[in-house]
C-alpha atoms as a PDB file:
ATOM      1  CA  UNK A   1       0.000   0.000   0.000  1.00  0.00           C
ATOM      2  CA  UNK A   2       1.376   3.424  -0.965  1.00  0.00           C
ATOM      3  CA  UNK A   3       1.189   5.601   2.173  1.00  0.00           C
ATOM      4  CA  UNK A   4       1.910   8.770   0.224  1.00  0.00           C
ATOM      5  CA  UNK A   5      -0.976   8.107  -2.166  1.00  0.00           C
ATOM      6  CA  UNK A   6      -3.306   7.219   0.706  1.00  0.00           C
ATOM      7  CA  UNK A   7      -2.388  10.419   2.552  1.00  0.00           C
ATOM      8  CA  UNK A   8      -3.154  12.563  -0.468  1.00  0.00           C
ATOM      9  CA  UNK A   9      -6.531  10.901  -0.967  1.00  0.00           C
ATOM     10  CA  UNK A  10      -7.394  11.344   2.711  1.00  0.00           C
ATOM     11  CA  UNK A  11      -7.143  15.091   2.501  1.00  0.00           C
ATOM     12  CA  UNK A  12     -10.257  15.259   0.365  1.00  0.00           C
ATOM     13  CA  UNK A  13     -11.174  17.887  -2.203  1.00  0.00           C
ATOM     14  CA  UNK A  14     -10.403  21.557  -1.476  1.00  0.00           C
ATOM     15  CA  UNK A  15     -13.269  23.521   0.008  1.00  0.00           C
ATOM     16  CA  UNK A  16     -15.247  25.322  -2.695  1.00  0.00           C
ATOM     17  CA  UNK A  17     -15.063  29.109  -2.519  1.00  0.00           C
ATOM     18  CA  UNK A  18     -18.543  30.591  -2.082  1.00  0.00           C
ATOM     19  CA  UNK A  19     -18.230  33.737  -4.180  1.00  0.00           C
ATOM     20  CA  UNK A  20     -21.759  35.047  -3.540  1.00  0.00           C
ATOM     21  CA  UNK A  21     -21.428  34.601   0.228  1.00  0.00           C
ATOM     22  CA  UNK A  22     -18.028  36.287   0.153  1.00  0.00           C
ATOM     23  CA  UNK A  23     -19.439  39.308  -1.694  1.00  0.00           C
ATOM     24  CA  UNK A  24     -22.348  39.579   0.755  1.00  0.00           C
ATOM     25  CA  UNK A  25     -20.012  39.367   3.766  1.00  0.00           C
ATOM     26  CA  UNK A  26     -17.678  41.984   2.305  1.00  0.00           C
ATOM     27  CA  UNK A  27     -20.662  44.219   1.490  1.00  0.00           C
ATOM     28  CA  UNK A  28     -21.908  44.162   5.072  1.00  0.00           C
ATOM     29  CA  UNK A  29     -18.450  45.011   6.427  1.00  0.00           C
ATOM     30  CA  UNK A  30     -17.943  47.873   3.959  1.00  0.00           C
ATOM     31  CA  UNK A  31     -21.478  49.088   4.659  1.00  0.00           C
ATOM     32  CA  UNK A  32     -20.838  49.128   8.405  1.00  0.00           C
ATOM     33  CA  UNK A  33     -17.375  50.630   8.370  1.00  0.00           C
ATOM     34  CA  UNK A  34     -17.273  52.521   5.074  1.00  0.00           C
ATOM     35  CA  UNK A  35     -14.804  51.990   2.195  1.00  0.00           C
ATOM     36  CA  UNK A  36     -11.356  53.509   2.434  1.00  0.00           C
ATOM     37  CA  UNK A  37     -10.851  52.691   6.129  1.00  0.00           C
ATOM     38  CA  UNK A  38     -10.429  48.919   5.915  1.00  0.00           C
ATOM     39  CA  UNK A  39      -7.138  47.138   5.396  1.00  0.00           C
ATOM     40  CA  UNK A  40      -6.712  44.403   2.812  1.00  0.00           C
ATOM     41  CA  UNK A  41      -6.269  41.941   5.684  1.00  0.00           C
ATOM     42  CA  UNK A  42      -9.644  42.934   7.159  1.00  0.00           C
ATOM     43  CA  UNK A  43     -11.327  42.488   3.800  1.00  0.00           C
ATOM     44  CA  UNK A  44      -9.667  39.114   3.298  1.00  0.00           C
ATOM     45  CA  UNK A  45     -10.836  38.067   6.743  1.00  0.00           C
ATOM     46  CA  UNK A  46     -14.413  39.110   5.980  1.00  0.00           C
ATOM     47  CA  UNK A  47     -14.398  37.311   2.632  1.00  0.00           C
ATOM     48  CA  UNK A  48     -12.656  34.276   4.073  1.00  0.00           C
ATOM     49  CA  UNK A  49      -9.777  34.048   1.604  1.00  0.00           C
ATOM     50  CA  UNK A  50      -6.058  34.762   1.559  1.00  0.00           C
ATOM     51  CA  UNK A  51      -4.565  37.680  -0.349  1.00  0.00           C
ATOM     52  CA  UNK A  52      -3.509  35.560  -3.367  1.00  0.00           C
ATOM     53  CA  UNK A  53      -7.080  34.285  -3.662  1.00  0.00           C
ATOM     54  CA  UNK A  54      -8.422  37.830  -3.391  1.00  0.00           C
ATOM     55  CA  UNK A  55      -6.373  38.803  -6.430  1.00  0.00           C
ATOM     56  CA  UNK A  56      -7.310  35.647  -8.282  1.00  0.00           C
ATOM     57  CA  UNK A  57     -11.051  36.008  -7.643  1.00  0.00           C
ATOM     58  CA  UNK A  58     -11.475  39.792  -7.837  1.00  0.00           C
ATOM     59  CA  UNK A  59      -8.235  41.250  -9.175  1.00  0.00           C
ATOM     60  CA  UNK A  60      -7.421  42.807  -5.811  1.00  0.00           C
ATOM     61  CA  UNK A  61      -9.097  45.088  -3.292  1.00  0.00           C
ATOM     62  CA  UNK A  62     -10.299  47.550  -5.941  1.00  0.00           C
ATOM     63  CA  UNK A  63     -11.969  44.765  -7.894  1.00  0.00           C
ATOM     64  CA  UNK A  64     -13.639  43.385  -4.773  1.00  0.00           C
ATOM     65  CA  UNK A  65     -15.070  46.750  -3.724  1.00  0.00           C
ATOM     66  CA  UNK A  66     -16.329  47.409  -7.271  1.00  0.00           C
ATOM     67  CA  UNK A  67     -17.965  43.951  -7.316  1.00  0.00           C
ATOM     68  CA  UNK A  68     -19.545  44.603  -3.926  1.00  0.00           C
ATOM     69  CA  UNK A  69     -20.965  47.913  -5.158  1.00  0.00           C
ATOM     70  CA  UNK A  70     -22.473  46.245  -8.231  1.00  0.00           C
ATOM     71  CA  UNK A  71     -24.140  43.726  -5.922  1.00  0.00           C
ATOM     72  CA  UNK A  72     -25.401  46.573  -3.744  1.00  0.00           C
ATOM     73  CA  UNK A  73     -26.780  48.353  -6.815  1.00  0.00           C
ATOM     74  CA  UNK A  74     -28.701  45.284  -7.957  1.00  0.00           C
ATOM     75  CA  UNK A  75     -29.964  44.063  -4.577  1.00  0.00           C
ATOM     76  CA  UNK A  76     -30.485  47.252  -2.573  1.00  0.00           C
ATOM     77  CA  UNK A  77     -30.404  50.468  -4.627  1.00  0.00           C
ATOM     78  CA  UNK A  78     -32.476  49.517  -7.668  1.00  0.00           C
ATOM     79  CA  UNK A  79     -35.295  47.832  -5.692  1.00  0.00           C
ATOM     80  CA  UNK A  80     -35.582  50.952  -3.526  1.00  0.00           C
ATOM     81  CA  UNK A  81     -35.561  53.289  -6.525  1.00  0.00           C
ATOM     82  CA  UNK A  82     -38.135  51.143  -8.330  1.00  0.00           C
ATOM     83  CA  UNK A  83     -40.344  51.351  -5.243  1.00  0.00           C
ATOM     84  CA  UNK A  84     -39.782  55.077  -4.857  1.00  0.00           C
ATOM     85  CA  UNK A  85     -40.386  55.971  -8.487  1.00  0.00           C
ATOM     86  CA  UNK A  86     -43.689  54.187  -9.021  1.00  0.00           C
ATOM     87  CA  UNK A  87     -46.433  56.083 -10.820  1.00  0.00           C
ATOM     88  CA  UNK A  88     -48.185  56.990  -7.576  1.00  0.00           C
ATOM     89  CA  UNK A  89     -49.005  60.341  -5.932  1.00  0.00           C
ATOM     90  CA  UNK A  90     -45.785  62.035  -4.879  1.00  0.00           C
ATOM     91  CA  UNK A  91     -46.961  62.672  -1.316  1.00  0.00           C
ATOM     92  CA  UNK A  92     -47.630  58.967  -0.863  1.00  0.00           C
ATOM     93  CA  UNK A  93     -44.165  58.042  -2.131  1.00  0.00           C
ATOM     94  CA  UNK A  94     -42.443  60.618   0.074  1.00  0.00           C
ATOM     95  CA  UNK A  95     -44.354  59.327   3.090  1.00  0.00           C
ATOM     96  CA  UNK A  96     -43.295  55.800   2.170  1.00  0.00           C
ATOM     97  CA  UNK A  97     -39.671  56.925   1.923  1.00  0.00           C
ATOM     98  CA  UNK A  98     -39.845  58.598   5.335  1.00  0.00           C
ATOM     99  CA  UNK A  99     -41.271  55.442   6.890  1.00  0.00           C
ATOM    100  CA  UNK A 100     -38.636  53.275   5.178  1.00  0.00           C
ATOM    101  CA  UNK A 101     -35.820  55.451   6.540  1.00  0.00           C
ATOM    102  CA  UNK A 102     -36.893  54.843  10.146  1.00  0.00           C
ATOM    103  CA  UNK A 103     -37.998  51.209   9.853  1.00  0.00           C
ATOM    104  CA  UNK A 104     -35.623  48.821  11.707  1.00  0.00           C
ATOM    105  CA  UNK A 105     -33.663  46.566   9.368  1.00  0.00           C
ATOM    106  CA  UNK A 106     -31.152  43.737   9.579  1.00  0.00           C
ATOM    107  CA  UNK A 107     -28.989  45.671   7.116  1.00  0.00           C
ATOM    108  CA  UNK A 108     -26.463  48.227   8.404  1.00  0.00           C
ATOM    109  CA  UNK A 109     -27.820  51.759   8.772  1.00  0.00           C
ATOM    110  CA  UNK A 110     -27.425  54.294   6.005  1.00  0.00           C
ATOM    111  CA  UNK A 111     -26.306  53.719   2.440  1.00  0.00           C
ATOM    112  CA  UNK A 112     -23.146  52.045   1.160  1.00  0.00           C
ATOM    113  CA  UNK A 113     -23.199  54.180  -1.995  1.00  0.00           C
ATOM    114  CA  UNK A 114     -23.474  57.396   0.041  1.00  0.00           C
ATOM    115  CA  UNK A 115     -20.564  56.341   2.246  1.00  0.00           C
ATOM    116  CA  UNK A 116     -18.490  55.406  -0.786  1.00  0.00           C
ATOM    117  CA  UNK A 117     -19.192  58.683  -2.565  1.00  0.00           C
ATOM    118  CA  UNK A 118     -17.752  60.541   0.434  1.00  0.00           C
ATOM    119  CA  UNK A 119     -14.412  58.668   0.229  1.00  0.00           C
ATOM    120  CA  UNK A 120     -13.715  58.627  -3.515  1.00  0.00           C
ATOM    121  CA  UNK A 121     -10.218  60.042  -3.111  1.00  0.00           C
ATOM    122  CA  UNK A 122      -9.144  56.851  -1.313  1.00  0.00           C
ATOM    123  CA  UNK A 123     -10.564  54.395  -3.852  1.00  0.00           C
ATOM    124  CA  UNK A 124      -9.203  52.665  -6.941  1.00  0.00           C
ATOM    125  CA  UNK A 125     -10.210  53.198 -10.597  1.00  0.00           C
ATOM    126  CA  UNK A 126     -12.621  50.246 -10.801  1.00  0.00           C
ATOM    127  CA  UNK A 127     -14.460  51.368  -7.684  1.00  0.00           C
ATOM    128  CA  UNK A 128     -14.516  54.982  -8.860  1.00  0.00           C
ATOM    129  CA  UNK A 129     -16.014  53.930 -12.199  1.00  0.00           C
ATOM    130  CA  UNK A 130     -18.618  51.789 -10.427  1.00  0.00           C
ATOM    131  CA  UNK A 131     -19.596  54.668  -8.146  1.00  0.00           C
ATOM    132  CA  UNK A 132     -20.048  56.925 -11.172  1.00  0.00           C
ATOM    133  CA  UNK A 133     -22.242  54.293 -12.827  1.00  0.00           C
ATOM    134  CA  UNK A 134     -24.365  53.991  -9.694  1.00  0.00           C
ATOM    135  CA  UNK A 135     -24.626  57.759  -9.298  1.00  0.00           C
ATOM    136  CA  UNK A 136     -25.790  58.207 -12.877  1.00  0.00           C
ATOM    137  CA  UNK A 137     -28.246  55.309 -12.575  1.00  0.00           C
ATOM    138  CA  UNK A 138     -29.737  56.785  -9.406  1.00  0.00           C
ATOM    139  CA  UNK A 139     -29.987  60.273 -10.867  1.00  0.00           C
ATOM    140  CA  UNK A 140     -31.627  58.962 -14.033  1.00  0.00           C
ATOM    141  CA  UNK A 141     -34.258  57.110 -11.995  1.00  0.00           C
ATOM    142  CA  UNK A 142     -34.942  60.140  -9.816  1.00  0.00           C
ATOM    143  CA  UNK A 143     -35.103  62.469 -12.821  1.00  0.00           C
ATOM    144  CA  UNK A 144     -37.630  60.133 -14.456  1.00  0.00           C
ATOM    145  CA  UNK A 145     -39.659  60.315 -11.235  1.00  0.00           C
ATOM    146  CA  UNK A 146     -39.608  64.116 -11.340  1.00  0.00           C
ATOM    147  CA  UNK A 147     -40.546  64.084 -15.014  1.00  0.00           C
ATOM    148  CA  UNK A 148     -43.521  61.864 -14.256  1.00  0.00           C
ATOM    149  CA  UNK A 149     -44.501  64.171 -11.386  1.00  0.00           C
ATOM    150  CA  UNK A 150     -44.394  67.094 -13.813  1.00  0.00           C
ATOM    151  CA  UNK A 151     -46.530  65.195 -16.336  1.00  0.00           C
ATOM    152  CA  UNK A 152     -49.044  64.493 -13.555  1.00  0.00           C
ATOM    153  CA  UNK A 153     -49.142  68.168 -12.559  1.00  0.00           C
ATOM    154  CA  UNK A 154     -47.494  67.531  -9.167  1.00  0.00           C
ATOM    155  CA  UNK A 155     -44.075  69.109  -9.672  1.00  0.00           C
ATOM    156  CA  UNK A 156     -43.910  72.747  -8.613  1.00  0.00           C
ATOM    157  CA  UNK A 157     -44.261  75.168 -11.507  1.00  0.00           C
ATOM    158  CA  UNK A 158     -41.021  76.265 -13.097  1.00  0.00           C
ATOM    159  CA  UNK A 159     -38.922  73.358 -11.780  1.00  0.00           C
ATOM    160  CA  UNK A 160     -36.807  71.500 -14.314  1.00  0.00           C
ATOM    161  CA  UNK A 161     -37.125  67.711 -13.769  1.00  0.00           C
ATOM    162  CA  UNK A 162     -33.384  67.204 -14.293  1.00  0.00           C
ATOM    163  CA  UNK A 163     -32.484  69.792 -11.656  1.00  0.00           C
ATOM    164  CA  UNK A 164     -35.179  68.407  -9.362  1.00  0.00           C
ATOM    165  CA  UNK A 165     -33.782  64.898  -9.832  1.00  0.00           C
ATOM    166  CA  UNK A 166     -30.289  66.017  -8.847  1.00  0.00           C
ATOM    167  CA  UNK A 167     -31.731  67.828  -5.838  1.00  0.00           C
ATOM    168  CA  UNK A 168     -33.566  64.687  -4.714  1.00  0.00           C
ATOM    169  CA  UNK A 169     -30.358  62.686  -5.173  1.00  0.00           C
ATOM    170  CA  UNK A 170     -28.508  65.107  -2.891  1.00  0.00           C
ATOM    171  CA  UNK A 171     -31.270  65.111  -0.293  1.00  0.00           C
ATOM    172  CA  UNK A 172     -31.600  61.334  -0.317  1.00  0.00           C
ATOM    173  CA  UNK A 173     -27.850  60.943   0.166  1.00  0.00           C
ATOM    174  CA  UNK A 174     -27.931  63.374   3.098  1.00  0.00           C
ATOM    175  CA  UNK A 175     -30.905  61.655   4.726  1.00  0.00           C
ATOM    176  CA  UNK A 176     -29.234  58.249   4.446  1.00  0.00           C
ATOM    177  CA  UNK A 177     -26.064  59.613   6.013  1.00  0.00           C
ATOM    178  CA  UNK A 178     -28.127  61.021   8.887  1.00  0.00           C
ATOM    179  CA  UNK A 179     -29.774  57.614   9.315  1.00  0.00           C
ATOM    180  CA  UNK A 180     -26.319  56.022   9.518  1.00  0.00           C
ATOM    181  CA  UNK A 181     -25.376  58.522  12.235  1.00  0.00           C
ATOM    182  CA  UNK A 182     -28.380  57.513  14.350  1.00  0.00           C
ATOM    183  CA  UNK A 183     -30.626  60.519  13.722  1.00  0.00           C
ATOM    184  CA  UNK A 184     -33.807  60.152  15.851  1.00  0.00           C
ATOM    185  CA  UNK A 185     -36.729  58.794  13.856  1.00  0.00           C
ATOM    186  CA  UNK A 186     -39.021  61.787  14.405  1.00  0.00           C
ATOM    187  CA  UNK A 187     -36.361  64.242  13.235  1.00  0.00           C
ATOM    188  CA  UNK A 188     -35.466  62.081  10.240  1.00  0.00           C
ATOM    189  CA  UNK A 189     -39.096  61.886   9.127  1.00  0.00           C
ATOM    190  CA  UNK A 190     -39.559  65.625   9.588  1.00  0.00           C
ATOM    191  CA  UNK A 191     -36.445  66.392   7.542  1.00  0.00           C
ATOM    192  CA  UNK A 192     -37.573  64.016   4.803  1.00  0.00           C
ATOM    193  CA  UNK A 193     -40.912  65.805   4.533  1.00  0.00           C
ATOM    194  CA  UNK A 194     -39.200  69.203   4.547  1.00  0.00           C
ATOM    195  CA  UNK A 195     -36.664  68.154   1.897  1.00  0.00           C
ATOM    196  CA  UNK A 196     -39.432  67.318  -0.548  1.00  0.00           C
ATOM    197  CA  UNK A 197     -41.917  70.026   0.421  1.00  0.00           C
ATOM    198  CA  UNK A 198     -40.654  72.564  -2.109  1.00  0.00           C
ATOM    199  CA  UNK A 199     -40.947  70.175  -5.043  1.00  0.00           C
ATOM    200  CA  UNK A 200     -44.665  69.655  -5.184  1.00  0.00           C
ATOM    201  CA  UNK A 201     -47.759  71.688  -5.895  1.00  0.00           C
ATOM    202  CA  UNK A 202     -49.783  69.550  -3.507  1.00  0.00           C
END
């Protein structure tokens, strides 16, 4: 009997890398702590792989963060924007947004995109490009919402939907940052209502 051969067989097959789980774990850590403040070792620990595997799977830290942001866009940002930009009365949607901001969640508080946008100078080119894609996607959705509000006679007279969309993007980012900082629910809801009050005729 060949002991060497037997020993090799006894080790079994290497554990399969769970890419989707790794991305989700990294997303939660980045969401909690914010990009630009984590070391590569911390990211590797969260993902559960060594540095060589990080480069093999994602092309490095920059590739991982960009991949995480794409996942966040698809699983968190777009569903929220689709909900927010339904063809419903604007007041109803704003009220829904205010309630969503203060509803307890198992996700970290605030917005990963908002946190990332505030630390762009510390991020790599892939992440920077992904943030720009997400920013433009969000603004396009919000501008379409404002355009629909104008078509329905809800947008305040004289407001350009594109400018209004950018304004909503800025306000939404600010509100999400306040949520991440633990802003009391009553103040957060009041500020949400105030932020949108100048946009509507109703």
